[in-house]
Amino acid sequence: MAEEWEKYYTKEQLSKLQKIELDNLRVFIDVCEKLNLTYFMYGGTLLGVEKFNGLIPWDDDIDVEFLSEEYDKVRDALSKLDKDVYSVQYPLEGTYCKDYFLVSKIGTTHITNEKCSRVQRASVEVMAVYPVPNGRLSLSVYHALMRLFSFISIAADRDLPEFTRRWSVSVMKGISKILDRMGGRGDSEFVEPR
C-alpha cells in the first residue's frame, strides 16, 4: 500500500499536501475548542498517530469525528469560516454524495481517484458519529441500510451526469432519515460512523 501513493505524488508533493491538511485540521480543532465540542481522530489518521506519531507517511487525507448531537453546532461553526480561504462541502447537499463535511483550503488541489481523475482540494473529512440500535433485528436492518447507503455513495462518486448524482443524493437522504429514526431511539447502546 505504501507504494500505491507513488502513482500520484512525489514525496515532496505528499509532504506539502499533508502540511496543508494539518493546517486545515488545526482550523477544525480551533472551531471545536472555542465551542467546547468533542472531537477525535479515526481511521488512518488515528492509526498514524498511534503507529507513526503523526500521519501515516503515505496517507493523503485526515479523518476526524464528532458526536452527532453536536451536528448543528459543528455545521454552524463551519459555515462561519472565512469563505475566501476555506470551502466547506456539507453532507448530502447538491451533488455532493458523501455523508461527511469536507473542509478544504481554497487553491489547493490533488487527484483523489485514478479511474475518474477527479481533482479535489486538500481537505479534512469531518464525520458525525451516530447512535446505533441494539436490538438484533433493528441492528440487522440498520446494517443492511448502511451497506445500501455506502453502495450508492461509492457508485455516485463516479463521473456520472449531474441528474444521476442528484438522484443518488436524494435516495441517500431518505436512507439517512430512516437511519436517524432507528438510531435515535432510547434503546441505542453504542455509536458508529455513518
N, C-alpha and C. Protein backbone atom coordinates (compact mmCIF):
# COMPACT_ATOMS: atom_id res chain seq x y z
N MET A 1 0.82 -1.20 0.00
CA MET A 1 0.00 0.00 0.00
C MET A 1 0.86 1.26 0.00
N ALA A 2 1.98 1.21 0.69
CA ALA A 2 2.85 2.38 0.76
C ALA A 2 3.34 2.78 -0.63
N GLU A 3 3.52 1.81 -1.53
CA GLU A 3 3.99 2.11 -2.88
C GLU A 3 2.88 2.69 -3.76
N GLU A 4 1.63 2.45 -3.40
CA GLU A 4 0.49 2.91 -4.17
C GLU A 4 0.47 4.43 -4.33
N TRP A 5 0.84 5.16 -3.28
CA TRP A 5 0.80 6.62 -3.32
C TRP A 5 1.79 7.17 -4.34
N GLU A 6 2.84 6.40 -4.64
CA GLU A 6 3.85 6.89 -5.58
C GLU A 6 3.30 7.08 -6.99
N LYS A 7 2.13 6.47 -7.29
CA LYS A 7 1.48 6.70 -8.58
C LYS A 7 0.97 8.13 -8.70
N TYR A 8 0.67 8.75 -7.55
CA TYR A 8 0.03 10.05 -7.53
C TYR A 8 0.96 11.20 -7.14
N TYR A 9 1.92 10.95 -6.24
CA TYR A 9 2.70 12.02 -5.64
C TYR A 9 4.18 11.68 -5.58
N THR A 10 4.99 12.73 -5.60
CA THR A 10 6.37 12.58 -5.17
C THR A 10 6.35 12.72 -3.64
N LYS A 11 7.44 12.37 -2.98
CA LYS A 11 7.49 12.53 -1.52
C LYS A 11 7.28 13.99 -1.13
N GLU A 12 7.85 14.90 -1.91
CA GLU A 12 7.72 16.33 -1.61
C GLU A 12 6.27 16.79 -1.75
N GLN A 13 5.59 16.32 -2.82
CA GLN A 13 4.19 16.70 -3.02
C GLN A 13 3.31 16.18 -1.88
N LEU A 14 3.53 14.93 -1.49
CA LEU A 14 2.73 14.35 -0.42
C LEU A 14 3.00 15.08 0.89
N SER A 15 4.24 15.42 1.17
CA SER A 15 4.59 16.15 2.38
C SER A 15 3.90 17.52 2.40
N LYS A 16 3.89 18.20 1.26
CA LYS A 16 3.23 19.50 1.16
C LYS A 16 1.72 19.36 1.37
N LEU A 17 1.12 18.33 0.76
CA LEU A 17 -0.31 18.07 0.92
C LEU A 17 -0.64 17.81 2.39
N GLN A 18 0.16 16.98 3.06
CA GLN A 18 -0.10 16.67 4.47
C GLN A 18 0.02 17.92 5.34
N LYS A 19 0.96 18.79 5.02
CA LYS A 19 1.10 20.03 5.80
C LYS A 19 -0.14 20.90 5.65
N ILE A 20 -0.66 21.03 4.45
CA ILE A 20 -1.88 21.82 4.22
C ILE A 20 -3.05 21.20 4.98
N GLU A 21 -3.16 19.87 4.92
CA GLU A 21 -4.26 19.20 5.61
C GLU A 21 -4.14 19.34 7.13
N LEU A 22 -2.92 19.32 7.65
CA LEU A 22 -2.74 19.54 9.09
C LEU A 22 -3.15 20.96 9.47
N ASP A 23 -2.88 21.93 8.59
CA ASP A 23 -3.35 23.30 8.83
C ASP A 23 -4.88 23.34 8.86
N ASN A 24 -5.52 22.62 7.93
CA ASN A 24 -6.99 22.53 7.93
C ASN A 24 -7.49 21.89 9.21
N LEU A 25 -6.80 20.85 9.67
CA LEU A 25 -7.18 20.18 10.91
C LEU A 25 -7.09 21.15 12.09
N ARG A 26 -6.05 21.96 12.13
CA ARG A 26 -5.92 22.94 13.22
C ARG A 26 -7.09 23.91 13.22
N VAL A 27 -7.55 24.30 12.04
CA VAL A 27 -8.72 25.19 11.94
C VAL A 27 -9.94 24.50 12.55
N PHE A 28 -10.15 23.23 12.20
CA PHE A 28 -11.29 22.49 12.76
C PHE A 28 -11.17 22.34 14.27
N ILE A 29 -9.97 22.02 14.76
CA ILE A 29 -9.75 21.87 16.20
C ILE A 29 -10.03 23.20 16.92
N ASP A 30 -9.60 24.32 16.33
CA ASP A 30 -9.88 25.63 16.92
C ASP A 30 -11.38 25.86 17.04
N VAL A 31 -12.12 25.50 15.99
CA VAL A 31 -13.58 25.64 16.00
C VAL A 31 -14.16 24.83 17.16
N CYS A 32 -13.74 23.57 17.28
CA CYS A 32 -14.25 22.69 18.34
C CYS A 32 -13.90 23.20 19.73
N GLU A 33 -12.68 23.66 19.90
CA GLU A 33 -12.26 24.11 21.23
C GLU A 33 -12.97 25.40 21.64
N LYS A 34 -13.21 26.30 20.69
CA LYS A 34 -13.95 27.53 21.01
C LYS A 34 -15.37 27.21 21.46
N LEU A 35 -15.97 26.18 20.89
CA LEU A 35 -17.35 25.82 21.22
C LEU A 35 -17.44 24.69 22.25
N ASN A 36 -16.28 24.25 22.75
CA ASN A 36 -16.22 23.15 23.72
C ASN A 36 -16.89 21.88 23.18
N LEU A 37 -16.61 21.55 21.92
CA LEU A 37 -17.17 20.36 21.27
C LEU A 37 -16.19 19.20 21.39
N THR A 38 -16.74 17.99 21.43
CA THR A 38 -15.93 16.78 21.47
C THR A 38 -15.55 16.38 20.05
N TYR A 39 -14.30 16.06 19.82
CA TYR A 39 -13.84 15.58 18.52
C TYR A 39 -12.75 14.54 18.75
N PHE A 40 -12.54 13.69 17.76
CA PHE A 40 -11.48 12.70 17.88
C PHE A 40 -11.09 12.21 16.49
N MET A 41 -9.88 11.67 16.41
CA MET A 41 -9.36 11.12 15.16
C MET A 41 -9.92 9.71 14.98
N TYR A 42 -9.99 9.26 13.74
CA TYR A 42 -10.37 7.87 13.47
C TYR A 42 -9.71 7.41 12.19
N GLY A 43 -9.90 6.14 11.86
CA GLY A 43 -9.38 5.57 10.61
C GLY A 43 -7.88 5.68 10.51
N GLY A 44 -7.41 5.99 9.31
CA GLY A 44 -5.97 6.09 9.05
C GLY A 44 -5.30 7.18 9.86
N THR A 45 -6.03 8.24 10.18
CA THR A 45 -5.45 9.31 10.98
C THR A 45 -5.13 8.83 12.38
N LEU A 46 -6.05 8.10 12.99
CA LEU A 46 -5.82 7.55 14.33
C LEU A 46 -4.68 6.53 14.29
N LEU A 47 -4.68 5.69 13.27
CA LEU A 47 -3.60 4.71 13.12
C LEU A 47 -2.25 5.41 12.99
N GLY A 48 -2.21 6.48 12.20
CA GLY A 48 -0.96 7.23 12.03
C GLY A 48 -0.45 7.82 13.32
N VAL A 49 -1.36 8.40 14.12
CA VAL A 49 -0.97 8.97 15.41
C VAL A 49 -0.41 7.88 16.32
N GLU A 50 -1.07 6.73 16.34
CA GLU A 50 -0.66 5.64 17.22
C GLU A 50 0.65 4.99 16.74
N LYS A 51 0.74 4.72 15.44
CA LYS A 51 1.88 3.94 14.95
C LYS A 51 3.08 4.81 14.53
N PHE A 52 2.80 6.01 14.00
CA PHE A 52 3.87 6.85 13.44
C PHE A 52 4.06 8.17 14.18
N ASN A 53 3.31 8.39 15.27
CA ASN A 53 3.35 9.68 15.99
C ASN A 53 3.07 10.85 15.06
N GLY A 54 2.19 10.67 14.14
CA GLY A 54 1.79 11.70 13.18
C GLY A 54 0.95 11.05 12.10
N LEU A 55 1.00 11.58 10.91
CA LEU A 55 0.25 10.97 9.81
C LEU A 55 0.98 9.75 9.28
N ILE A 56 0.23 8.82 8.73
CA ILE A 56 0.85 7.71 8.02
C ILE A 56 1.64 8.33 6.87
N PRO A 57 2.90 7.96 6.68
CA PRO A 57 3.73 8.63 5.67
C PRO A 57 3.12 8.69 4.27
N TRP A 58 2.29 7.73 3.90
CA TRP A 58 1.71 7.72 2.56
C TRP A 58 0.23 8.12 2.53
N ASP A 59 -0.32 8.56 3.67
CA ASP A 59 -1.75 8.90 3.73
C ASP A 59 -1.97 10.29 3.15
N ASP A 60 -3.05 10.44 2.37
CA ASP A 60 -3.31 11.74 1.74
C ASP A 60 -4.62 12.37 2.21
N ASP A 61 -5.12 11.94 3.37
CA ASP A 61 -6.29 12.62 3.93
C ASP A 61 -6.25 12.54 5.45
N ILE A 62 -7.10 13.36 6.07
CA ILE A 62 -7.22 13.38 7.53
C ILE A 62 -8.68 13.15 7.87
N ASP A 63 -8.92 12.27 8.85
CA ASP A 63 -10.27 11.89 9.24
C ASP A 63 -10.52 12.29 10.69
N VAL A 64 -11.61 13.04 10.92
CA VAL A 64 -11.97 13.49 12.25
C VAL A 64 -13.45 13.18 12.47
N GLU A 65 -13.82 12.84 13.70
CA GLU A 65 -15.22 12.59 14.04
C GLU A 65 -15.66 13.50 15.17
N PHE A 66 -16.97 13.69 15.25
CA PHE A 66 -17.58 14.41 16.36
C PHE A 66 -18.90 13.71 16.68
N LEU A 67 -19.47 14.02 17.83
CA LEU A 67 -20.72 13.37 18.25
C LEU A 67 -21.91 13.97 17.52
N SER A 68 -22.82 13.12 17.07
CA SER A 68 -23.94 13.57 16.25
C SER A 68 -24.81 14.61 16.95
N GLU A 69 -24.90 14.56 18.28
CA GLU A 69 -25.74 15.55 18.96
C GLU A 69 -25.17 16.96 18.85
N GLU A 70 -23.93 17.09 18.41
CA GLU A 70 -23.31 18.40 18.22
C GLU A 70 -23.30 18.83 16.75
N TYR A 71 -24.05 18.09 15.91
CA TYR A 71 -24.05 18.32 14.46
C TYR A 71 -24.37 19.77 14.10
N ASP A 72 -25.45 20.30 14.66
CA ASP A 72 -25.87 21.66 14.30
C ASP A 72 -24.82 22.70 14.70
N LYS A 73 -24.19 22.50 15.85
CA LYS A 73 -23.14 23.43 16.29
C LYS A 73 -21.94 23.37 15.36
N VAL A 74 -21.54 22.15 14.96
CA VAL A 74 -20.41 21.99 14.04
C VAL A 74 -20.75 22.63 12.69
N ARG A 75 -21.94 22.34 12.17
CA ARG A 75 -22.37 22.91 10.89
C ARG A 75 -22.35 24.44 10.94
N ASP A 76 -22.90 24.99 12.01
CA ASP A 76 -22.95 26.45 12.15
C ASP A 76 -21.54 27.04 12.22
N ALA A 77 -20.67 26.42 13.00
CA ALA A 77 -19.30 26.91 13.14
C ALA A 77 -18.54 26.84 11.82
N LEU A 78 -18.70 25.73 11.09
CA LEU A 78 -18.00 25.60 9.81
C LEU A 78 -18.53 26.60 8.78
N SER A 79 -19.80 26.95 8.87
CA SER A 79 -20.38 27.91 7.92
C SER A 79 -19.80 29.31 8.13
N LYS A 80 -19.18 29.54 9.29
CA LYS A 80 -18.63 30.86 9.60
C LYS A 80 -17.14 30.99 9.26
N LEU A 81 -16.54 29.92 8.72
CA LEU A 81 -15.13 30.02 8.32
C LEU A 81 -15.00 31.04 7.18
N ASP A 82 -13.84 31.66 7.08
CA ASP A 82 -13.58 32.65 6.04
C ASP A 82 -13.73 32.01 4.65
N LYS A 83 -14.75 32.41 3.91
CA LYS A 83 -15.06 31.81 2.61
C LYS A 83 -14.04 32.15 1.53
N ASP A 84 -13.17 33.13 1.79
CA ASP A 84 -12.09 33.42 0.85
C ASP A 84 -10.91 32.47 1.03
N VAL A 85 -10.86 31.79 2.17
CA VAL A 85 -9.75 30.89 2.49
C VAL A 85 -10.18 29.43 2.48
N TYR A 86 -11.40 29.15 3.02
CA TYR A 86 -11.85 27.77 3.18
C TYR A 86 -13.16 27.52 2.46
N SER A 87 -13.27 26.31 1.98
CA SER A 87 -14.51 25.83 1.37
C SER A 87 -15.02 24.69 2.25
N VAL A 88 -16.33 24.67 2.48
CA VAL A 88 -16.93 23.57 3.24
C VAL A 88 -18.01 22.94 2.37
N GLN A 89 -17.88 21.63 2.15
CA GLN A 89 -18.95 20.89 1.48
C GLN A 89 -19.76 20.23 2.58
N TYR A 90 -21.09 20.39 2.50
CA TYR A 90 -21.98 19.89 3.53
C TYR A 90 -22.54 18.54 3.12
N PRO A 91 -22.70 17.64 4.09
CA PRO A 91 -23.18 16.29 3.78
C PRO A 91 -24.48 16.29 2.98
N LEU A 92 -24.47 15.51 1.89
CA LEU A 92 -25.65 15.27 1.07
C LEU A 92 -26.34 16.55 0.61
N GLU A 93 -25.55 17.52 0.15
CA GLU A 93 -26.13 18.74 -0.40
C GLU A 93 -25.73 18.85 -1.87
N GLY A 94 -26.70 19.24 -2.69
CA GLY A 94 -26.45 19.37 -4.12
C GLY A 94 -26.08 18.02 -4.72
N THR A 95 -24.92 17.96 -5.36
CA THR A 95 -24.46 16.70 -5.93
C THR A 95 -23.35 16.06 -5.10
N TYR A 96 -23.10 16.60 -3.90
CA TYR A 96 -22.07 16.06 -3.02
C TYR A 96 -22.63 14.81 -2.34
N CYS A 97 -22.14 13.64 -2.74
CA CYS A 97 -22.72 12.36 -2.33
C CYS A 97 -22.01 11.72 -1.14
N LYS A 98 -21.50 12.52 -0.25
CA LYS A 98 -20.84 11.99 0.95
C LYS A 98 -21.62 12.42 2.18
N ASP A 99 -21.49 11.64 3.25
CA ASP A 99 -22.23 11.93 4.47
C ASP A 99 -21.33 12.58 5.52
N TYR A 100 -20.29 13.27 5.08
CA TYR A 100 -19.41 13.99 5.98
C TYR A 100 -19.09 15.36 5.41
N PHE A 101 -18.68 16.26 6.30
CA PHE A 101 -18.23 17.58 5.88
C PHE A 101 -16.84 17.44 5.27
N LEU A 102 -16.56 18.25 4.27
CA LEU A 102 -15.23 18.30 3.69
C LEU A 102 -14.74 19.73 3.85
N VAL A 103 -13.75 19.94 4.72
CA VAL A 103 -13.20 21.27 4.98
C VAL A 103 -11.92 21.38 4.15
N SER A 104 -11.91 22.34 3.21
CA SER A 104 -10.81 22.43 2.26
C SER A 104 -10.24 23.84 2.22
N LYS A 105 -8.97 23.90 1.92
CA LYS A 105 -8.33 25.18 1.71
C LYS A 105 -8.41 25.50 0.22
N ILE A 106 -8.95 26.67 -0.10
CA ILE A 106 -9.11 27.07 -1.49
C ILE A 106 -7.73 27.26 -2.13
N GLY A 107 -7.61 26.83 -3.38
CA GLY A 107 -6.35 26.98 -4.11
C GLY A 107 -5.42 25.79 -3.98
N THR A 108 -5.88 24.73 -3.32
CA THR A 108 -5.06 23.51 -3.18
C THR A 108 -5.80 22.37 -3.83
N THR A 109 -5.14 21.62 -4.68
CA THR A 109 -5.80 20.50 -5.35
C THR A 109 -4.89 19.29 -5.38
N HIS A 110 -5.52 18.12 -5.47
CA HIS A 110 -4.79 16.88 -5.71
C HIS A 110 -5.76 15.87 -6.32
N ILE A 111 -5.23 14.89 -7.02
CA ILE A 111 -6.06 13.86 -7.65
C ILE A 111 -6.42 12.84 -6.59
N THR A 112 -7.72 12.51 -6.51
CA THR A 112 -8.17 11.59 -5.46
C THR A 112 -8.62 10.25 -5.99
N ASN A 113 -8.79 10.12 -7.29
CA ASN A 113 -9.29 8.86 -7.81
C ASN A 113 -8.72 8.65 -9.21
N GLU A 114 -7.87 7.65 -9.35
CA GLU A 114 -7.18 7.41 -10.61
C GLU A 114 -8.16 7.11 -11.74
N LYS A 115 -9.23 6.36 -11.47
CA LYS A 115 -10.15 5.95 -12.53
C LYS A 115 -10.91 7.12 -13.14
N CYS A 116 -11.33 8.07 -12.30
CA CYS A 116 -12.08 9.19 -12.86
C CYS A 116 -11.28 10.48 -12.82
N SER A 117 -10.02 10.42 -12.39
CA SER A 117 -9.13 11.57 -12.35
C SER A 117 -9.80 12.80 -11.74
N ARG A 118 -10.55 12.58 -10.67
CA ARG A 118 -11.22 13.69 -10.01
C ARG A 118 -10.20 14.48 -9.21
N VAL A 119 -10.24 15.77 -9.36
CA VAL A 119 -9.34 16.64 -8.62
C VAL A 119 -10.13 17.24 -7.46
N GLN A 120 -9.52 17.23 -6.29
CA GLN A 120 -10.18 17.72 -5.09
C GLN A 120 -9.20 18.62 -4.34
N ARG A 121 -9.72 19.57 -3.60
CA ARG A 121 -8.86 20.39 -2.76
C ARG A 121 -8.31 19.57 -1.60
N ALA A 122 -7.15 19.98 -1.08
CA ALA A 122 -6.60 19.34 0.11
C ALA A 122 -7.59 19.59 1.24
N SER A 123 -8.07 18.52 1.88
CA SER A 123 -9.16 18.68 2.84
C SER A 123 -9.10 17.72 4.00
N VAL A 124 -9.98 18.01 4.97
CA VAL A 124 -10.16 17.17 6.13
C VAL A 124 -11.61 16.67 6.09
N GLU A 125 -11.79 15.36 6.27
CA GLU A 125 -13.12 14.77 6.31
C GLU A 125 -13.60 14.80 7.76
N VAL A 126 -14.76 15.44 7.98
CA VAL A 126 -15.29 15.64 9.32
C VAL A 126 -16.63 14.90 9.40
N MET A 127 -16.66 13.81 10.15
CA MET A 127 -17.82 12.91 10.16
C MET A 127 -18.47 12.85 11.54
N ALA A 128 -19.80 12.84 11.55
CA ALA A 128 -20.55 12.66 12.79
C ALA A 128 -20.61 11.18 13.15
N VAL A 129 -20.64 10.88 14.44
CA VAL A 129 -20.81 9.53 14.95
C VAL A 129 -22.22 9.44 15.52
N TYR A 130 -23.00 8.46 15.04
CA TYR A 130 -24.41 8.34 15.39
C TYR A 130 -24.67 7.15 16.30
N PRO A 131 -25.74 7.22 17.09
CA PRO A 131 -26.15 6.06 17.88
C PRO A 131 -26.63 4.92 16.98
N VAL A 132 -26.47 3.72 17.44
CA VAL A 132 -26.87 2.53 16.69
C VAL A 132 -27.83 1.72 17.56
N PRO A 133 -28.92 1.20 16.98
CA PRO A 133 -29.86 0.41 17.80
C PRO A 133 -29.21 -0.87 18.29
N ASN A 134 -29.66 -1.37 19.44
CA ASN A 134 -29.03 -2.57 19.98
C ASN A 134 -29.89 -3.83 19.85
N GLY A 135 -31.11 -3.75 19.38
CA GLY A 135 -31.92 -4.95 19.16
C GLY A 135 -31.39 -5.72 17.96
N ARG A 136 -31.43 -7.03 18.01
CA ARG A 136 -30.85 -7.87 16.95
C ARG A 136 -31.45 -7.56 15.57
N LEU A 137 -32.77 -7.53 15.47
CA LEU A 137 -33.43 -7.25 14.20
C LEU A 137 -33.17 -5.82 13.76
N SER A 138 -33.31 -4.88 14.69
CA SER A 138 -33.07 -3.47 14.37
C SER A 138 -31.64 -3.26 13.87
N LEU A 139 -30.70 -3.91 14.52
CA LEU A 139 -29.30 -3.77 14.13
C LEU A 139 -29.06 -4.38 12.75
N SER A 140 -29.69 -5.51 12.45
CA SER A 140 -29.55 -6.13 11.13
C SER A 140 -30.10 -5.22 10.03
N VAL A 141 -31.27 -4.66 10.27
CA VAL A 141 -31.87 -3.74 9.29
C VAL A 141 -30.99 -2.51 9.14
N TYR A 142 -30.51 -1.99 10.27
CA TYR A 142 -29.64 -0.82 10.27
C TYR A 142 -28.41 -1.07 9.39
N HIS A 143 -27.75 -2.21 9.60
CA HIS A 143 -26.54 -2.51 8.83
C HIS A 143 -26.84 -2.76 7.35
N ALA A 144 -27.98 -3.34 7.03
CA ALA A 144 -28.36 -3.52 5.63
C ALA A 144 -28.55 -2.16 4.96
N LEU A 145 -29.21 -1.23 5.65
CA LEU A 145 -29.39 0.12 5.11
C LEU A 145 -28.04 0.84 4.97
N MET A 146 -27.15 0.61 5.93
CA MET A 146 -25.81 1.20 5.86
C MET A 146 -25.06 0.71 4.62
N ARG A 147 -25.16 -0.58 4.34
CA ARG A 147 -24.49 -1.13 3.15
C ARG A 147 -25.07 -0.52 1.88
N LEU A 148 -26.40 -0.39 1.81
CA LEU A 148 -27.04 0.23 0.66
C LEU A 148 -26.59 1.68 0.52
N PHE A 149 -26.57 2.41 1.64
CA PHE A 149 -26.13 3.80 1.65
C PHE A 149 -24.70 3.90 1.10
N SER A 150 -23.81 3.04 1.59
CA SER A 150 -22.41 3.06 1.15
C SER A 150 -22.29 2.72 -0.33
N PHE A 151 -23.05 1.73 -0.78
CA PHE A 151 -23.01 1.34 -2.19
C PHE A 151 -23.42 2.51 -3.08
N ILE A 152 -24.50 3.19 -2.73
CA ILE A 152 -24.95 4.33 -3.53
C ILE A 152 -23.91 5.44 -3.51
N SER A 153 -23.31 5.68 -2.36
CA SER A 153 -22.29 6.72 -2.24
C SER A 153 -21.09 6.41 -3.14
N ILE A 154 -20.65 5.17 -3.12
CA ILE A 154 -19.50 4.77 -3.96
C ILE A 154 -19.87 4.87 -5.43
N ALA A 155 -21.05 4.40 -5.80
CA ALA A 155 -21.49 4.46 -7.20
C ALA A 155 -21.64 5.89 -7.67
N ALA A 156 -22.17 6.76 -6.83
CA ALA A 156 -22.39 8.16 -7.21
C ALA A 156 -21.09 8.94 -7.28
N ASP A 157 -20.02 8.38 -6.72
CA ASP A 157 -18.72 9.05 -6.71
C ASP A 157 -18.02 8.97 -8.06
N ARG A 158 -18.59 8.25 -8.99
CA ARG A 158 -18.02 8.13 -10.33
C ARG A 158 -18.41 9.35 -11.16
N ASP A 159 -17.83 9.46 -12.33
CA ASP A 159 -18.17 10.55 -13.23
C ASP A 159 -19.55 10.30 -13.83
N LEU A 160 -20.59 10.70 -13.12
CA LEU A 160 -21.96 10.49 -13.56
C LEU A 160 -22.59 11.83 -13.93
N PRO A 161 -23.63 11.79 -14.75
CA PRO A 161 -24.34 13.04 -15.04
C PRO A 161 -24.90 13.66 -13.76
N GLU A 162 -25.04 14.97 -13.74
CA GLU A 162 -25.50 15.68 -12.55
C GLU A 162 -26.84 15.16 -12.05
N PHE A 163 -27.80 14.89 -12.96
CA PHE A 163 -29.13 14.44 -12.52
C PHE A 163 -29.02 13.09 -11.79
N THR A 164 -28.10 12.23 -12.21
CA THR A 164 -27.92 10.94 -11.55
C THR A 164 -27.33 11.13 -10.16
N ARG A 165 -26.37 12.04 -10.04
CA ARG A 165 -25.79 12.32 -8.73
C ARG A 165 -26.84 12.93 -7.81
N ARG A 166 -27.67 13.84 -8.33
CA ARG A 166 -28.72 14.45 -7.50
C ARG A 166 -29.72 13.39 -7.03
N TRP A 167 -30.09 12.47 -7.93
CA TRP A 167 -31.00 11.39 -7.56
C TRP A 167 -30.37 10.54 -6.46
N SER A 168 -29.08 10.21 -6.62
CA SER A 168 -28.37 9.41 -5.62
C SER A 168 -28.38 10.10 -4.26
N VAL A 169 -28.13 11.41 -4.27
CA VAL A 169 -28.12 12.17 -3.01
C VAL A 169 -29.51 12.14 -2.38
N SER A 170 -30.56 12.27 -3.19
CA SER A 170 -31.94 12.22 -2.66
C SER A 170 -32.23 10.87 -2.00
N VAL A 171 -31.84 9.79 -2.66
CA VAL A 171 -32.05 8.46 -2.08
C VAL A 171 -31.25 8.32 -0.78
N MET A 172 -30.02 8.79 -0.78
CA MET A 172 -29.18 8.72 0.42
C MET A 172 -29.79 9.52 1.57
N LYS A 173 -30.39 10.68 1.26
CA LYS A 173 -31.05 11.47 2.30
C LYS A 173 -32.20 10.69 2.91
N GLY A 174 -32.98 10.01 2.07
CA GLY A 174 -34.09 9.20 2.57
C GLY A 174 -33.61 8.09 3.48
N ILE A 175 -32.56 7.39 3.05
CA ILE A 175 -31.99 6.32 3.89
C ILE A 175 -31.46 6.90 5.19
N SER A 176 -30.83 8.06 5.11
CA SER A 176 -30.27 8.71 6.29
C SER A 176 -31.36 9.03 7.31
N LYS A 177 -32.52 9.49 6.83
CA LYS A 177 -33.64 9.79 7.74
C LYS A 177 -34.11 8.52 8.45
N ILE A 178 -34.18 7.43 7.71
CA ILE A 178 -34.58 6.16 8.33
C ILE A 178 -33.54 5.74 9.38
N LEU A 179 -32.27 5.86 9.04
CA LEU A 179 -31.20 5.50 9.98
C LEU A 179 -31.26 6.38 11.22
N ASP A 180 -31.53 7.68 11.03
CA ASP A 180 -31.64 8.58 12.19
C ASP A 180 -32.75 8.13 13.12
N ARG A 181 -33.88 7.75 12.56
CA ARG A 181 -35.01 7.30 13.39
C ARG A 181 -34.65 6.01 14.13
N MET A 182 -33.97 5.13 13.45
CA MET A 182 -33.59 3.86 14.08
C MET A 182 -32.58 4.07 15.21
N GLY A 183 -31.59 4.92 14.95
CA GLY A 183 -30.55 5.15 15.94
C GLY A 183 -30.95 6.14 17.01
N GLY A 184 -31.96 6.94 16.73
CA GLY A 184 -32.35 7.98 17.67
C GLY A 184 -33.24 7.48 18.80
N ARG A 185 -33.57 6.21 18.82
CA ARG A 185 -34.42 5.67 19.88
C ARG A 185 -33.65 5.57 21.19
N GLY A 186 -34.38 5.43 22.26
CA GLY A 186 -33.75 5.33 23.57
C GLY A 186 -33.03 4.02 23.80
N ASP A 187 -33.17 3.04 22.89
CA ASP A 187 -32.53 1.74 23.12
C ASP A 187 -31.15 1.65 22.45
N SER A 188 -30.55 2.80 22.12
CA SER A 188 -29.24 2.80 21.49
C SER A 188 -28.17 2.45 22.53
N GLU A 189 -27.26 1.59 22.11
CA GLU A 189 -26.26 1.10 23.06
C GLU A 189 -24.86 1.63 22.78
N PHE A 190 -24.50 1.83 21.53
CA PHE A 190 -23.18 2.31 21.17
C PHE A 190 -23.29 3.15 19.91
N VAL A 191 -22.18 3.73 19.48
CA VAL A 191 -22.22 4.61 18.31
C VAL A 191 -21.24 4.14 17.26
N GLU A 192 -21.46 4.53 16.04
CA GLU A 192 -20.53 4.25 14.96
C GLU A 192 -20.71 5.30 13.88
N PRO A 193 -19.68 5.52 13.04
CA PRO A 193 -19.82 6.49 11.95
C PRO A 193 -20.81 6.00 10.92
N ARG A 194 -21.47 6.91 10.27
CA ARG A 194 -22.40 6.56 9.21
C ARG A 194 -21.78 6.96 7.91
